[in-house]
Structures are given as structure tokens and as C-alpha cells.
């Protein structure tokens, strides 16, 4: 591996872009608590369920909240940055 530590070992927290990624129409930002209803609505869409959701059980508010917590924990470990 050319002297680099394995993926995820001693990785620094990933910061969000500064300034935020935005233009006059779009703002790319991290997930937040206020996004739970929108995420629930998206996962209730039959097209999303057909192509992106392998589960057979309904997506719940708890699932959405857990997803946001997992995304933040991964960011703090330096593994991924999710918008």
C-alpha cells in the first residue's frame, strides 16, 4: 500500500466544504433532523422502493434517524461525507 495506513485507520474527521456547495438554485448540505419527513416520503415512493430499497419492511422514522446518526459517525471517523 505504499506506506499508507489501511483505509479507515487513523483517519481524520472529514469537514464539510467551506463555503458550502451552492449556487442560485441548489444548496448541497449535510442531512439534518428536519429532513426526516422528506426522507420518509422519498422512501415511500414506489420507484425508489423498486430500484433503491432492498428491504421488504417499511422504512420508518427510526430508520431515517438512525441513517443520519450513522452518516455523522462515518464522517467523524473520516470514512465518508454524505449530503
C-alpha atoms as a PDB file:
ATOM      1  CA  UNK A   1       0.000   0.000   0.000  1.00  0.00           C
ATOM      2  CA  UNK A   2       2.939   2.331  -0.448  1.00  0.00           C
ATOM      3  CA  UNK A   3       3.379   3.101   3.235  1.00  0.00           C
ATOM      4  CA  UNK A   4      -0.166   4.420   3.719  1.00  0.00           C
ATOM      5  CA  UNK A   5      -2.253   3.097   6.618  1.00  0.00           C
ATOM      6  CA  UNK A   6      -5.168   0.811   5.709  1.00  0.00           C
ATOM      7  CA  UNK A   7      -8.456   2.515   4.891  1.00  0.00           C
ATOM      8  CA  UNK A   8     -10.135   3.922   7.980  1.00  0.00           C
ATOM      9  CA  UNK A   9      -7.104   3.666  10.261  1.00  0.00           C
ATOM     10  CA  UNK A  10      -6.174   6.953  11.897  1.00  0.00           C
ATOM     11  CA  UNK A  11      -8.361   8.907   9.516  1.00  0.00           C
ATOM     12  CA  UNK A  12      -9.169  12.493  10.399  1.00  0.00           C
ATOM     13  CA  UNK A  13     -12.708  13.782  10.628  1.00  0.00           C
ATOM     14  CA  UNK A  14     -13.981  14.915   7.231  1.00  0.00           C
ATOM     15  CA  UNK A  15     -15.029  18.571   7.298  1.00  0.00           C
ATOM     16  CA  UNK A  16     -17.959  19.857   5.298  1.00  0.00           C
ATOM     17  CA  UNK A  17     -16.985  22.156   2.419  1.00  0.00           C
ATOM     18  CA  UNK A  18     -16.395  25.783   3.317  1.00  0.00           C
ATOM     19  CA  UNK A  19     -18.009  27.715   1.809  1.00  0.00           C
ATOM     20  CA  UNK A  20     -20.993  25.372   1.362  1.00  0.00           C
ATOM     21  CA  UNK A  21     -21.578  23.932  -2.114  1.00  0.00           C
ATOM     22  CA  UNK A  22     -24.278  26.175  -3.533  1.00  0.00           C
ATOM     23  CA  UNK A  23     -25.410  28.352  -6.392  1.00  0.00           C
ATOM     24  CA  UNK A  24     -28.528  30.429  -7.011  1.00  0.00           C
ATOM     25  CA  UNK A  25     -30.715  27.315  -7.218  1.00  0.00           C
ATOM     26  CA  UNK A  26     -29.131  24.469  -5.269  1.00  0.00           C
ATOM     27  CA  UNK A  27     -27.590  24.090  -1.816  1.00  0.00           C
ATOM     28  CA  UNK A  28     -25.763  20.826  -1.116  1.00  0.00           C
ATOM     29  CA  UNK A  29     -25.699  20.358   2.638  1.00  0.00           C
ATOM     30  CA  UNK A  30     -25.476  17.605   5.234  1.00  0.00           C
ATOM     31  CA  UNK A  31     -28.583  15.748   6.365  1.00  0.00           C
ATOM     32  CA  UNK A  32     -30.318  17.154   9.431  1.00  0.00           C
ATOM     33  CA  UNK A  33     -33.188  16.286  11.751  1.00  0.00           C
ATOM     34  CA  UNK A  34     -35.619  18.433   9.776  1.00  0.00           C
ATOM     35  CA  UNK A  35     -35.019  16.128   6.757  1.00  0.00           C
ATOM     36  CA  UNK A  36     -36.638  13.087   8.393  1.00  0.00           C
ATOM     37  CA  UNK A  37     -40.114  13.720   6.862  1.00  0.00           C
ATOM     38  CA  UNK A  38     -38.636  14.227   3.367  1.00  0.00           C
ATOM     39  CA  UNK A  39     -36.576  11.047   3.640  1.00  0.00           C
ATOM     40  CA  UNK A  40     -39.667   9.100   4.736  1.00  0.00           C
ATOM     41  CA  UNK A  41     -41.607  10.495   1.796  1.00  0.00           C
ATOM     42  CA  UNK A  42     -38.825   9.601  -0.643  1.00  0.00           C
ATOM     43  CA  UNK A  43     -38.635   6.017   0.594  1.00  0.00           C
ATOM     44  CA  UNK A  44     -42.419   5.704   0.331  1.00  0.00           C
ATOM     45  CA  UNK A  45     -42.153   6.390  -3.423  1.00  0.00           C
ATOM     46  CA  UNK A  46     -42.710   3.160  -5.414  1.00  0.00           C
ATOM     47  CA  UNK A  47     -39.886   3.996  -7.846  1.00  0.00           C
ATOM     48  CA  UNK A  48     -37.389   4.431  -5.008  1.00  0.00           C
ATOM     49  CA  UNK A  49     -38.592   1.191  -3.454  1.00  0.00           C
ATOM     50  CA  UNK A  50     -38.289  -0.652  -6.748  1.00  0.00           C
ATOM     51  CA  UNK A  51     -34.750   0.441  -7.648  1.00  0.00           C
ATOM     52  CA  UNK A  52     -33.012   1.502  -4.459  1.00  0.00           C
ATOM     53  CA  UNK A  53     -34.510  -0.271  -1.489  1.00  0.00           C
ATOM     54  CA  UNK A  54     -33.808  -3.981  -0.927  1.00  0.00           C
ATOM     55  CA  UNK A  55     -35.794  -4.217   2.315  1.00  0.00           C
ATOM     56  CA  UNK A  56     -39.195  -5.821   2.488  1.00  0.00           C
ATOM     57  CA  UNK A  57     -40.222  -3.913   5.623  1.00  0.00           C
ATOM     58  CA  UNK A  58     -41.426  -0.306   5.522  1.00  0.00           C
ATOM     59  CA  UNK A  59     -38.901   2.473   6.077  1.00  0.00           C
ATOM     60  CA  UNK A  60     -39.693   4.120   9.409  1.00  0.00           C
ATOM     61  CA  UNK A  61     -38.921   7.384  11.157  1.00  0.00           C
ATOM     62  CA  UNK A  62     -36.485   5.456  13.357  1.00  0.00           C
ATOM     63  CA  UNK A  63     -34.718   4.142  10.220  1.00  0.00           C
ATOM     64  CA  UNK A  64     -34.293   7.706   8.931  1.00  0.00           C
ATOM     65  CA  UNK A  65     -32.959   8.976  12.258  1.00  0.00           C
ATOM     66  CA  UNK A  66     -30.566   6.015  12.524  1.00  0.00           C
ATOM     67  CA  UNK A  67     -29.308   6.677   8.985  1.00  0.00           C
ATOM     68  CA  UNK A  68     -28.479  10.289   9.870  1.00  0.00           C
ATOM     69  CA  UNK A  69     -26.626   9.195  13.038  1.00  0.00           C
ATOM     70  CA  UNK A  70     -24.658   6.573  11.078  1.00  0.00           C
ATOM     71  CA  UNK A  71     -23.723   9.138   8.417  1.00  0.00           C
ATOM     72  CA  UNK A  72     -22.396  11.563  11.042  1.00  0.00           C
ATOM     73  CA  UNK A  73     -20.423   8.816  12.794  1.00  0.00           C
ATOM     74  CA  UNK A  74     -18.831   7.801   9.470  1.00  0.00           C
ATOM     75  CA  UNK A  75     -17.900  11.442   8.796  1.00  0.00           C
ATOM     76  CA  UNK A  76     -16.285  11.758  12.232  1.00  0.00           C
ATOM     77  CA  UNK A  77     -14.283   8.565  11.566  1.00  0.00           C
ATOM     78  CA  UNK A  78     -13.071  10.035   8.279  1.00  0.00           C
ATOM     79  CA  UNK A  79     -14.839   7.404   6.166  1.00  0.00           C
ATOM     80  CA  UNK A  80     -17.446   9.281   4.139  1.00  0.00           C
ATOM     81  CA  UNK A  81     -19.195  12.568   3.615  1.00  0.00           C
ATOM     82  CA  UNK A  82     -22.902  12.316   2.838  1.00  0.00           C
ATOM     83  CA  UNK A  83     -25.215  15.020   1.516  1.00  0.00           C
END
